[in-house]
């Protein structure tokens, strides 16, 4: 008596149960797809946030590095002027080599896409070329050398760099406050 009932249930309910199972499977697939899309969007948002944070950290590092090198360059300009006043080839050599190193470091932190920084980069390069030229000439300096004339190109190039550093540092300070 139970057997016919089971056969009838099996025959009558198999199609609806299969349909219910099929609908449940489709629904699970839809939910899984939605979850995957949300996860993908969240991953993209996290990646964008990480990239923005990294960019901000790099910009902050550049700002701080440029701001900290600026006073060194001004002090080196004073050292170069002092060495020229004392007519000391040794002091001048040390000062210009330090200038070349520090100015090169400063140039690496500048952004050529910004006009003010591009100009500063160009002026730094001119000063580095002037240092290289003067370094070779210092070896021939003697008691008859006119130090003012011989170092004028270098002093002019360095003066242009230090003159550009002040406004740049002020601009960067304003950017930090924003």
N, C-alpha and C. Protein backbone atom coordinates (compact mmCIF):
# COMPACT_ATOMS: atom_id res chain seq x y z
N UNK A 1 0.79 -1.17 0.00
CA UNK A 1 0.00 0.00 0.00
C UNK A 1 0.85 1.26 0.00
N UNK A 2 1.96 1.21 0.59
CA UNK A 2 2.85 2.36 0.60
C UNK A 2 3.57 2.46 -0.74
N UNK A 3 3.83 1.34 -1.31
CA UNK A 3 4.58 1.35 -2.56
C UNK A 3 3.89 2.13 -3.67
N UNK A 4 2.64 1.96 -3.94
CA UNK A 4 1.99 2.78 -4.98
C UNK A 4 2.02 4.28 -4.64
N UNK A 5 1.88 4.56 -3.39
CA UNK A 5 1.94 5.96 -2.97
C UNK A 5 3.31 6.54 -3.28
N UNK A 6 4.36 5.83 -3.02
CA UNK A 6 5.71 6.31 -3.30
C UNK A 6 5.94 6.45 -4.80
N UNK A 7 5.40 5.52 -5.58
CA UNK A 7 5.56 5.63 -7.03
C UNK A 7 4.84 6.86 -7.56
N UNK A 8 3.65 7.08 -7.04
CA UNK A 8 2.91 8.26 -7.49
C UNK A 8 3.64 9.55 -7.07
N UNK A 9 4.13 9.61 -5.86
CA UNK A 9 4.86 10.78 -5.36
C UNK A 9 6.11 10.99 -6.19
N UNK A 10 6.78 9.92 -6.48
CA UNK A 10 8.00 10.00 -7.28
C UNK A 10 7.69 10.54 -8.66
N UNK A 11 6.64 10.09 -9.28
CA UNK A 11 6.28 10.52 -10.62
C UNK A 11 5.73 11.94 -10.62
N UNK A 12 4.91 12.26 -9.65
CA UNK A 12 4.25 13.57 -9.64
C UNK A 12 5.15 14.69 -9.14
N UNK A 13 6.00 14.40 -8.21
CA UNK A 13 6.81 15.45 -7.60
C UNK A 13 8.20 15.61 -8.21
N UNK A 14 8.63 14.71 -9.03
CA UNK A 14 10.00 14.79 -9.56
C UNK A 14 10.20 16.02 -10.43
N UNK A 15 9.24 16.34 -11.27
CA UNK A 15 9.38 17.51 -12.15
C UNK A 15 9.35 18.80 -11.34
N UNK A 16 8.38 19.00 -10.44
CA UNK A 16 8.41 20.25 -9.66
C UNK A 16 9.65 20.36 -8.78
N UNK A 17 10.07 19.25 -8.19
CA UNK A 17 11.28 19.30 -7.37
C UNK A 17 12.51 19.61 -8.21
N UNK A 18 12.56 19.06 -9.41
CA UNK A 18 13.67 19.36 -10.31
C UNK A 18 13.66 20.84 -10.68
N UNK A 19 12.46 21.36 -10.95
CA UNK A 19 12.35 22.79 -11.28
C UNK A 19 12.77 23.66 -10.10
N UNK A 20 12.33 23.29 -8.92
CA UNK A 20 12.72 24.04 -7.72
C UNK A 20 14.24 23.98 -7.54
N UNK A 21 14.83 22.82 -7.73
CA UNK A 21 16.28 22.68 -7.64
C UNK A 21 17.00 23.51 -8.69
N UNK A 22 16.45 23.49 -9.90
CA UNK A 22 17.04 24.26 -11.00
C UNK A 22 16.98 25.76 -10.71
N UNK A 23 15.82 26.23 -10.23
CA UNK A 23 15.66 27.65 -9.87
C UNK A 23 16.61 28.01 -8.73
N UNK A 24 16.72 27.13 -7.75
CA UNK A 24 17.64 27.39 -6.63
C UNK A 24 19.08 27.47 -7.11
N UNK A 25 19.46 26.61 -8.05
CA UNK A 25 20.82 26.64 -8.59
C UNK A 25 21.08 27.94 -9.36
N UNK A 26 20.09 28.35 -10.15
CA UNK A 26 20.23 29.61 -10.90
C UNK A 26 20.33 30.78 -9.92
N UNK A 27 19.49 30.76 -8.89
CA UNK A 27 19.52 31.83 -7.90
C UNK A 27 20.88 31.89 -7.20
N UNK A 28 21.43 30.75 -6.86
CA UNK A 28 22.75 30.70 -6.24
C UNK A 28 23.82 31.25 -7.18
N UNK A 29 23.70 30.94 -8.46
CA UNK A 29 24.66 31.45 -9.45
C UNK A 29 24.56 32.97 -9.55
N UNK A 30 23.33 33.49 -9.55
CA UNK A 30 23.12 34.95 -9.60
C UNK A 30 23.73 35.61 -8.36
N UNK A 31 23.47 35.03 -7.19
CA UNK A 31 24.03 35.58 -5.96
C UNK A 31 25.56 35.52 -5.97
N UNK A 32 26.10 34.42 -6.47
CA UNK A 32 27.56 34.28 -6.55
C UNK A 32 28.16 35.32 -7.49
N UNK A 33 27.47 35.56 -8.61
CA UNK A 33 27.96 36.57 -9.56
C UNK A 33 27.92 37.95 -8.93
N UNK A 34 26.84 38.28 -8.24
CA UNK A 34 26.75 39.57 -7.56
C UNK A 34 27.87 39.72 -6.52
N UNK A 35 28.10 38.66 -5.77
CA UNK A 35 29.16 38.71 -4.76
C UNK A 35 30.53 38.88 -5.42
N UNK A 36 30.73 38.22 -6.55
CA UNK A 36 32.01 38.35 -7.26
C UNK A 36 32.19 39.77 -7.79
N UNK A 37 31.12 40.36 -8.29
CA UNK A 37 31.19 41.74 -8.79
C UNK A 37 31.49 42.70 -7.64
N UNK A 38 30.82 42.49 -6.50
CA UNK A 38 31.09 43.34 -5.33
C UNK A 38 32.53 43.17 -4.86
N UNK A 39 33.02 41.94 -4.85
CA UNK A 39 34.39 41.69 -4.42
C UNK A 39 35.38 42.34 -5.39
N UNK A 40 35.08 42.24 -6.68
CA UNK A 40 35.95 42.87 -7.68
C UNK A 40 35.96 44.38 -7.50
N UNK A 41 34.78 44.98 -7.32
CA UNK A 41 34.69 46.42 -7.10
C UNK A 41 35.44 46.84 -5.84
N UNK A 42 35.30 46.04 -4.79
CA UNK A 42 36.00 46.35 -3.54
C UNK A 42 37.51 46.24 -3.72
N UNK A 43 37.95 45.23 -4.47
CA UNK A 43 39.38 45.07 -4.72
C UNK A 43 39.92 46.23 -5.55
N UNK A 44 39.16 46.66 -6.56
CA UNK A 44 39.58 47.79 -7.37
C UNK A 44 39.63 49.07 -6.54
N UNK A 45 38.65 49.25 -5.67
CA UNK A 45 38.64 50.43 -4.81
C UNK A 45 39.82 50.39 -3.84
N UNK A 46 40.11 49.22 -3.30
CA UNK A 46 41.25 49.08 -2.40
C UNK A 46 42.56 49.35 -3.13
N UNK A 47 42.66 48.85 -4.36
CA UNK A 47 43.87 49.09 -5.15
C UNK A 47 44.02 50.58 -5.46
N UNK A 48 42.93 51.22 -5.83
CA UNK A 48 42.97 52.66 -6.12
C UNK A 48 43.36 53.44 -4.87
N UNK A 49 42.82 53.05 -3.73
CA UNK A 49 43.17 53.73 -2.48
C UNK A 49 44.64 53.51 -2.13
N UNK A 50 45.13 52.30 -2.35
CA UNK A 50 46.54 52.01 -2.07
C UNK A 50 47.45 52.81 -3.00
N UNK A 51 47.07 52.89 -4.27
CA UNK A 51 47.87 53.67 -5.22
C UNK A 51 47.85 55.15 -4.86
N UNK A 52 46.69 55.65 -4.45
CA UNK A 52 46.59 57.06 -4.05
C UNK A 52 47.43 57.32 -2.80
N UNK A 53 47.39 56.39 -1.85
CA UNK A 53 48.19 56.54 -0.64
C UNK A 53 49.68 56.50 -0.96
N UNK A 54 50.07 55.60 -1.85
CA UNK A 54 51.48 55.51 -2.24
C UNK A 54 51.92 56.78 -2.96
N UNK A 55 51.06 57.29 -3.83
CA UNK A 55 51.40 58.53 -4.55
C UNK A 55 51.52 59.69 -3.56
N UNK A 56 50.60 59.76 -2.64
CA UNK A 56 50.64 60.81 -1.63
C UNK A 56 51.91 60.71 -0.78
N UNK A 57 52.28 59.49 -0.42
CA UNK A 57 53.50 59.29 0.37
C UNK A 57 54.73 59.70 -0.42
N UNK A 58 54.76 59.36 -1.72
CA UNK A 58 55.89 59.77 -2.56
C UNK A 58 55.96 61.28 -2.68
N UNK A 59 54.81 61.91 -2.88
CA UNK A 59 54.77 63.38 -2.98
C UNK A 59 55.24 64.02 -1.68
N UNK A 60 54.78 63.48 -0.56
CA UNK A 60 55.18 64.01 0.74
C UNK A 60 56.69 63.85 0.94
N UNK A 61 57.22 62.70 0.55
CA UNK A 61 58.66 62.46 0.65
C UNK A 61 59.43 63.45 -0.21
N UNK A 62 58.93 63.68 -1.43
CA UNK A 62 59.59 64.65 -2.32
C UNK A 62 59.57 66.05 -1.71
N UNK A 63 58.40 66.44 -1.18
CA UNK A 63 58.29 67.76 -0.58
C UNK A 63 59.27 67.93 0.58
N UNK A 64 59.29 66.94 1.46
CA UNK A 64 60.18 67.02 2.62
C UNK A 64 61.65 66.97 2.21
N UNK A 65 61.97 66.15 1.24
CA UNK A 65 63.35 66.04 0.79
C UNK A 65 63.82 67.33 0.15
N UNK A 66 63.00 67.89 -0.72
CA UNK A 66 63.36 69.15 -1.37
C UNK A 66 63.49 70.25 -0.33
N UNK A 67 62.56 70.28 0.61
CA UNK A 67 62.60 71.31 1.65
C UNK A 67 63.83 71.17 2.54
N UNK A 68 64.27 69.95 2.78
CA UNK A 68 65.44 69.77 3.65
C UNK A 68 66.75 70.00 2.90
N UNK A 69 66.78 69.76 1.60
CA UNK A 69 68.01 69.98 0.84
C UNK A 69 68.21 71.47 0.54
N UNK A 70 67.13 72.22 0.40
CA UNK A 70 67.22 73.64 0.09
C UNK A 70 68.15 74.42 0.99
N UNK A 71 67.99 74.34 2.32
CA UNK A 71 68.90 75.07 3.20
C UNK A 71 70.37 74.63 3.06
N UNK A 72 70.58 73.36 2.76
CA UNK A 72 71.96 72.88 2.53
C UNK A 72 72.56 73.58 1.32
N UNK A 73 71.76 73.72 0.28
CA UNK A 73 72.27 74.37 -0.93
C UNK A 73 72.58 75.84 -0.67
N UNK A 74 71.74 76.50 0.11
CA UNK A 74 72.01 77.90 0.45
C UNK A 74 73.30 78.00 1.26
N UNK A 75 73.48 77.09 2.20
CA UNK A 75 74.72 77.09 3.01
C UNK A 75 75.93 76.78 2.13
N UNK A 76 75.80 75.89 1.19
CA UNK A 76 76.91 75.60 0.28
C UNK A 76 77.24 76.80 -0.59
N UNK A 77 76.22 77.55 -0.98
CA UNK A 77 76.48 78.78 -1.74
C UNK A 77 77.34 79.73 -0.90
N UNK A 78 77.02 79.84 0.38
CA UNK A 78 77.82 80.67 1.29
C UNK A 78 79.24 80.14 1.40
N UNK A 79 79.39 78.82 1.48
CA UNK A 79 80.73 78.22 1.56
C UNK A 79 81.54 78.49 0.30
N UNK A 80 80.88 78.43 -0.84
CA UNK A 80 81.56 78.70 -2.12
C UNK A 80 82.00 80.16 -2.16
N UNK A 81 81.12 81.07 -1.76
CA UNK A 81 81.49 82.49 -1.72
C UNK A 81 82.66 82.72 -0.76
N UNK A 82 82.64 82.06 0.37
CA UNK A 82 83.72 82.20 1.35
C UNK A 82 85.04 81.67 0.79
N UNK A 83 84.99 80.53 0.11
CA UNK A 83 86.21 79.96 -0.48
C UNK A 83 86.76 80.88 -1.57
N UNK A 84 85.87 81.51 -2.31
CA UNK A 84 86.31 82.45 -3.35
C UNK A 84 86.94 83.68 -2.70
N UNK A 85 86.31 84.19 -1.65
CA UNK A 85 86.87 85.35 -0.94
C UNK A 85 88.24 85.03 -0.36
N UNK A 86 88.42 83.83 0.16
CA UNK A 86 89.70 83.42 0.74
C UNK A 86 90.70 82.96 -0.32
N UNK A 87 90.23 82.83 -1.55
CA UNK A 87 91.06 82.34 -2.67
C UNK A 87 91.71 81.01 -2.31
N UNK A 88 90.87 80.11 -1.82
CA UNK A 88 91.34 78.78 -1.41
C UNK A 88 90.84 77.72 -2.38
N UNK A 89 91.73 77.20 -3.22
CA UNK A 89 91.30 76.16 -4.17
C UNK A 89 90.79 74.90 -3.47
N UNK A 90 91.38 74.57 -2.32
CA UNK A 90 90.96 73.36 -1.60
C UNK A 90 89.53 73.51 -1.08
N UNK A 91 89.27 74.64 -0.41
CA UNK A 91 87.92 74.86 0.11
C UNK A 91 86.90 74.96 -1.01
N UNK A 92 87.28 75.63 -2.10
CA UNK A 92 86.37 75.77 -3.22
C UNK A 92 86.06 74.42 -3.85
N UNK A 93 87.07 73.58 -3.99
CA UNK A 93 86.86 72.25 -4.56
C UNK A 93 85.89 71.44 -3.71
N UNK A 94 86.12 71.44 -2.41
CA UNK A 94 85.23 70.70 -1.50
C UNK A 94 83.80 71.25 -1.59
N UNK A 95 83.68 72.56 -1.58
CA UNK A 95 82.34 73.18 -1.60
C UNK A 95 81.60 72.89 -2.91
N UNK A 96 82.29 72.99 -4.04
CA UNK A 96 81.58 72.76 -5.31
C UNK A 96 81.24 71.29 -5.51
N UNK A 97 82.09 70.40 -5.00
CA UNK A 97 81.75 68.98 -5.10
C UNK A 97 80.53 68.65 -4.23
N UNK A 98 80.48 69.26 -3.05
CA UNK A 98 79.29 69.09 -2.20
C UNK A 98 78.07 69.68 -2.88
N UNK A 99 78.24 70.84 -3.51
CA UNK A 99 77.13 71.45 -4.24
C UNK A 99 76.61 70.50 -5.32
N UNK A 100 77.54 69.96 -6.09
CA UNK A 100 77.13 69.07 -7.19
C UNK A 100 76.32 67.89 -6.66
N UNK A 101 76.78 67.31 -5.58
CA UNK A 101 76.08 66.16 -5.00
C UNK A 101 74.69 66.55 -4.49
N UNK A 102 74.62 67.59 -3.67
CA UNK A 102 73.34 68.00 -3.09
C UNK A 102 72.37 68.51 -4.16
N UNK A 103 72.87 69.27 -5.12
CA UNK A 103 72.00 69.79 -6.18
C UNK A 103 71.46 68.64 -7.03
N UNK A 104 72.31 67.65 -7.30
CA UNK A 104 71.85 66.48 -8.04
C UNK A 104 70.76 65.73 -7.30
N UNK A 105 70.91 65.63 -5.99
CA UNK A 105 69.87 64.98 -5.18
C UNK A 105 68.57 65.78 -5.23
N UNK A 106 68.69 67.08 -5.12
CA UNK A 106 67.50 67.94 -5.16
C UNK A 106 66.78 67.79 -6.50
N UNK A 107 67.55 67.74 -7.56
CA UNK A 107 66.96 67.64 -8.91
C UNK A 107 66.13 66.36 -9.05
N UNK A 108 66.57 65.29 -8.41
CA UNK A 108 65.85 64.02 -8.52
C UNK A 108 64.46 64.08 -7.88
N UNK A 109 64.28 64.98 -6.94
CA UNK A 109 62.99 65.07 -6.25
C UNK A 109 62.01 66.02 -6.93
N UNK A 110 62.45 66.67 -8.00
CA UNK A 110 61.59 67.64 -8.68
C UNK A 110 60.77 66.98 -9.77
N UNK A 111 59.65 67.61 -10.10
CA UNK A 111 58.72 67.09 -11.10
C UNK A 111 58.80 67.94 -12.36
N UNK A 112 59.31 67.37 -13.47
CA UNK A 112 59.45 68.16 -14.70
C UNK A 112 58.12 68.58 -15.33
N UNK A 113 57.02 68.01 -14.87
CA UNK A 113 55.72 68.41 -15.44
C UNK A 113 55.21 69.73 -14.83
N UNK A 114 55.85 70.18 -13.75
CA UNK A 114 55.48 71.45 -13.13
C UNK A 114 56.46 72.52 -13.61
N UNK A 115 55.96 73.60 -14.22
CA UNK A 115 56.85 74.60 -14.84
C UNK A 115 57.91 75.17 -13.89
N UNK A 116 57.53 75.50 -12.67
CA UNK A 116 58.49 76.09 -11.73
C UNK A 116 59.59 75.08 -11.39
N UNK A 117 59.23 73.83 -11.21
CA UNK A 117 60.21 72.81 -10.89
C UNK A 117 61.07 72.47 -12.11
N UNK A 118 60.47 72.53 -13.29
CA UNK A 118 61.24 72.28 -14.51
C UNK A 118 62.32 73.34 -14.69
N UNK A 119 61.97 74.60 -14.42
CA UNK A 119 62.95 75.69 -14.50
C UNK A 119 64.06 75.46 -13.49
N UNK A 120 63.70 75.07 -12.28
CA UNK A 120 64.71 74.80 -11.25
C UNK A 120 65.60 73.64 -11.67
N UNK A 121 65.01 72.60 -12.26
CA UNK A 121 65.82 71.47 -12.73
C UNK A 121 66.83 71.93 -13.78
N UNK A 122 66.40 72.78 -14.67
CA UNK A 122 67.29 73.31 -15.71
C UNK A 122 68.41 74.14 -15.08
N UNK A 123 68.06 74.98 -14.11
CA UNK A 123 69.08 75.79 -13.44
C UNK A 123 70.06 74.94 -12.64
N UNK A 124 69.56 73.89 -12.02
CA UNK A 124 70.44 72.97 -11.30
C UNK A 124 71.42 72.32 -12.27
N UNK A 125 70.92 71.90 -13.42
CA UNK A 125 71.80 71.28 -14.41
C UNK A 125 72.87 72.26 -14.87
N UNK A 126 72.49 73.52 -15.09
CA UNK A 126 73.48 74.54 -15.47
C UNK A 126 74.54 74.70 -14.39
N UNK A 127 74.12 74.68 -13.13
CA UNK A 127 75.08 74.83 -12.04
C UNK A 127 76.01 73.62 -11.95
N UNK A 128 75.49 72.44 -12.22
CA UNK A 128 76.33 71.24 -12.19
C UNK A 128 77.36 71.28 -13.31
N UNK A 129 76.95 71.75 -14.48
CA UNK A 129 77.90 71.89 -15.60
C UNK A 129 78.96 72.94 -15.24
N UNK A 130 78.54 74.04 -14.62
CA UNK A 130 79.49 75.08 -14.21
C UNK A 130 80.46 74.54 -13.17
N UNK A 131 79.99 73.70 -12.26
CA UNK A 131 80.87 73.08 -11.26
C UNK A 131 81.90 72.20 -11.95
N UNK A 132 81.44 71.40 -12.89
CA UNK A 132 82.36 70.50 -13.60
C UNK A 132 83.44 71.30 -14.33
N UNK A 133 83.04 72.37 -14.99
CA UNK A 133 84.00 73.20 -15.72
C UNK A 133 84.99 73.85 -14.76
N UNK A 134 84.48 74.43 -13.67
CA UNK A 134 85.36 75.11 -12.72
C UNK A 134 86.28 74.13 -12.01
N UNK A 135 85.81 72.94 -11.76
CA UNK A 135 86.64 71.93 -11.09
C UNK A 135 87.92 71.68 -11.90
N UNK A 136 87.79 71.63 -13.21
CA UNK A 136 88.96 71.43 -14.06
C UNK A 136 89.85 72.67 -14.09
N UNK A 137 89.25 73.85 -14.01
CA UNK A 137 90.02 75.09 -14.08
C UNK A 137 90.74 75.40 -12.77
N UNK A 138 90.20 74.96 -11.65
CA UNK A 138 90.80 75.27 -10.34
C UNK A 138 92.25 74.80 -10.29
N UNK A 139 92.55 73.73 -10.97
CA UNK A 139 93.91 73.19 -10.94
C UNK A 139 94.93 74.18 -11.48
N UNK A 140 94.50 75.08 -12.36
CA UNK A 140 95.42 76.07 -12.92
C UNK A 140 95.39 77.41 -12.18
N UNK A 141 94.60 77.55 -11.14
CA UNK A 141 94.54 78.82 -10.40
C UNK A 141 95.89 79.06 -9.72
N UNK A 142 96.35 80.30 -9.80
CA UNK A 142 97.58 80.69 -9.11
C UNK A 142 97.39 82.09 -8.53
N UNK A 143 98.49 82.73 -8.14
CA UNK A 143 98.41 84.06 -7.52
C UNK A 143 97.92 85.13 -8.47
N UNK A 144 98.02 84.91 -9.76
CA UNK A 144 97.60 85.92 -10.74
C UNK A 144 96.15 85.72 -11.19
N UNK A 145 95.51 84.69 -10.74
CA UNK A 145 94.14 84.38 -11.17
C UNK A 145 93.16 85.39 -10.59
N UNK A 146 92.28 85.88 -11.45
CA UNK A 146 91.19 86.75 -11.01
C UNK A 146 90.02 85.84 -10.63
N UNK A 147 89.90 85.58 -9.33
CA UNK A 147 88.91 84.63 -8.84
C UNK A 147 87.48 85.08 -9.14
N UNK A 148 87.25 86.37 -9.08
CA UNK A 148 85.90 86.89 -9.34
C UNK A 148 85.47 86.57 -10.76
N UNK A 149 86.36 86.82 -11.71
CA UNK A 149 86.05 86.56 -13.11
C UNK A 149 85.93 85.06 -13.39
N UNK A 150 86.87 84.31 -12.86
CA UNK A 150 86.93 82.87 -13.14
C UNK A 150 85.74 82.11 -12.55
N UNK A 151 85.15 82.64 -11.51
CA UNK A 151 84.05 81.93 -10.84
C UNK A 151 82.69 82.57 -11.11
N UNK A 152 82.65 83.58 -11.97
CA UNK A 152 81.39 84.31 -12.18
C UNK A 152 80.29 83.42 -12.75
N UNK A 153 80.63 82.56 -13.69
CA UNK A 153 79.61 81.66 -14.28
C UNK A 153 79.02 80.75 -13.20
N UNK A 154 79.89 80.19 -12.38
CA UNK A 154 79.43 79.30 -11.31
C UNK A 154 78.55 80.06 -10.32
N UNK A 155 79.01 81.22 -9.87
CA UNK A 155 78.24 81.98 -8.89
C UNK A 155 76.89 82.40 -9.45
N UNK A 156 76.85 82.75 -10.72
CA UNK A 156 75.58 83.12 -11.35
C UNK A 156 74.63 81.92 -11.39
N UNK A 157 75.15 80.77 -11.82
CA UNK A 157 74.32 79.56 -11.92
C UNK A 157 73.80 79.13 -10.56
N UNK A 158 74.66 79.18 -9.55
CA UNK A 158 74.25 78.78 -8.20
C UNK A 158 73.25 79.79 -7.64
N UNK A 159 73.47 81.06 -7.91
CA UNK A 159 72.54 82.09 -7.45
C UNK A 159 71.15 81.91 -8.03
N UNK A 160 71.07 81.48 -9.29
CA UNK A 160 69.76 81.24 -9.90
C UNK A 160 69.04 80.08 -9.21
N UNK A 161 69.80 79.06 -8.84
CA UNK A 161 69.20 77.91 -8.16
C UNK A 161 68.67 78.32 -6.79
N UNK A 162 69.51 78.98 -6.01
CA UNK A 162 69.06 79.34 -4.65
C UNK A 162 67.94 80.38 -4.69
N UNK A 163 67.93 81.22 -5.72
CA UNK A 163 66.83 82.19 -5.85
C UNK A 163 65.51 81.47 -6.14
N UNK A 164 65.56 80.37 -6.89
CA UNK A 164 64.35 79.61 -7.21
C UNK A 164 63.88 78.74 -6.04
N UNK A 165 64.79 78.40 -5.14
CA UNK A 165 64.43 77.50 -4.04
C UNK A 165 63.45 78.14 -3.06
N UNK A 166 63.61 79.42 -2.77
CA UNK A 166 62.73 80.09 -1.81
C UNK A 166 61.27 80.04 -2.21
N UNK A 167 60.93 80.52 -3.42
CA UNK A 167 59.52 80.45 -3.83
C UNK A 167 58.98 79.02 -3.91
N UNK A 168 59.84 78.09 -4.33
CA UNK A 168 59.39 76.69 -4.41
C UNK A 168 59.08 76.15 -3.02
N UNK A 169 59.95 76.44 -2.05
CA UNK A 169 59.71 75.98 -0.68
C UNK A 169 58.43 76.59 -0.13
N UNK A 170 58.20 77.86 -0.43
CA UNK A 170 56.97 78.51 0.04
C UNK A 170 55.74 77.88 -0.60
N UNK A 171 55.83 77.60 -1.88
CA UNK A 171 54.71 76.96 -2.59
C UNK A 171 54.44 75.57 -2.01
N UNK A 172 55.49 74.83 -1.73
CA UNK A 172 55.32 73.49 -1.17
C UNK A 172 54.73 73.55 0.23
N UNK A 173 55.10 74.56 0.99
CA UNK A 173 54.53 74.71 2.34
C UNK A 173 53.03 74.96 2.26
N UNK A 174 52.62 75.76 1.29
CA UNK A 174 51.19 76.02 1.10
C UNK A 174 50.47 74.74 0.70
N UNK A 175 51.10 73.94 -0.17
CA UNK A 175 50.48 72.68 -0.60
C UNK A 175 50.30 71.73 0.57
N UNK A 176 51.26 71.72 1.50
CA UNK A 176 51.15 70.85 2.66
C UNK A 176 49.96 71.23 3.53
N UNK A 177 49.67 72.52 3.60
CA UNK A 177 48.57 72.98 4.44
C UNK A 177 47.21 72.66 3.85
N UNK A 178 47.15 72.47 2.54
CA UNK A 178 45.86 72.23 1.88
C UNK A 178 45.35 70.85 2.13
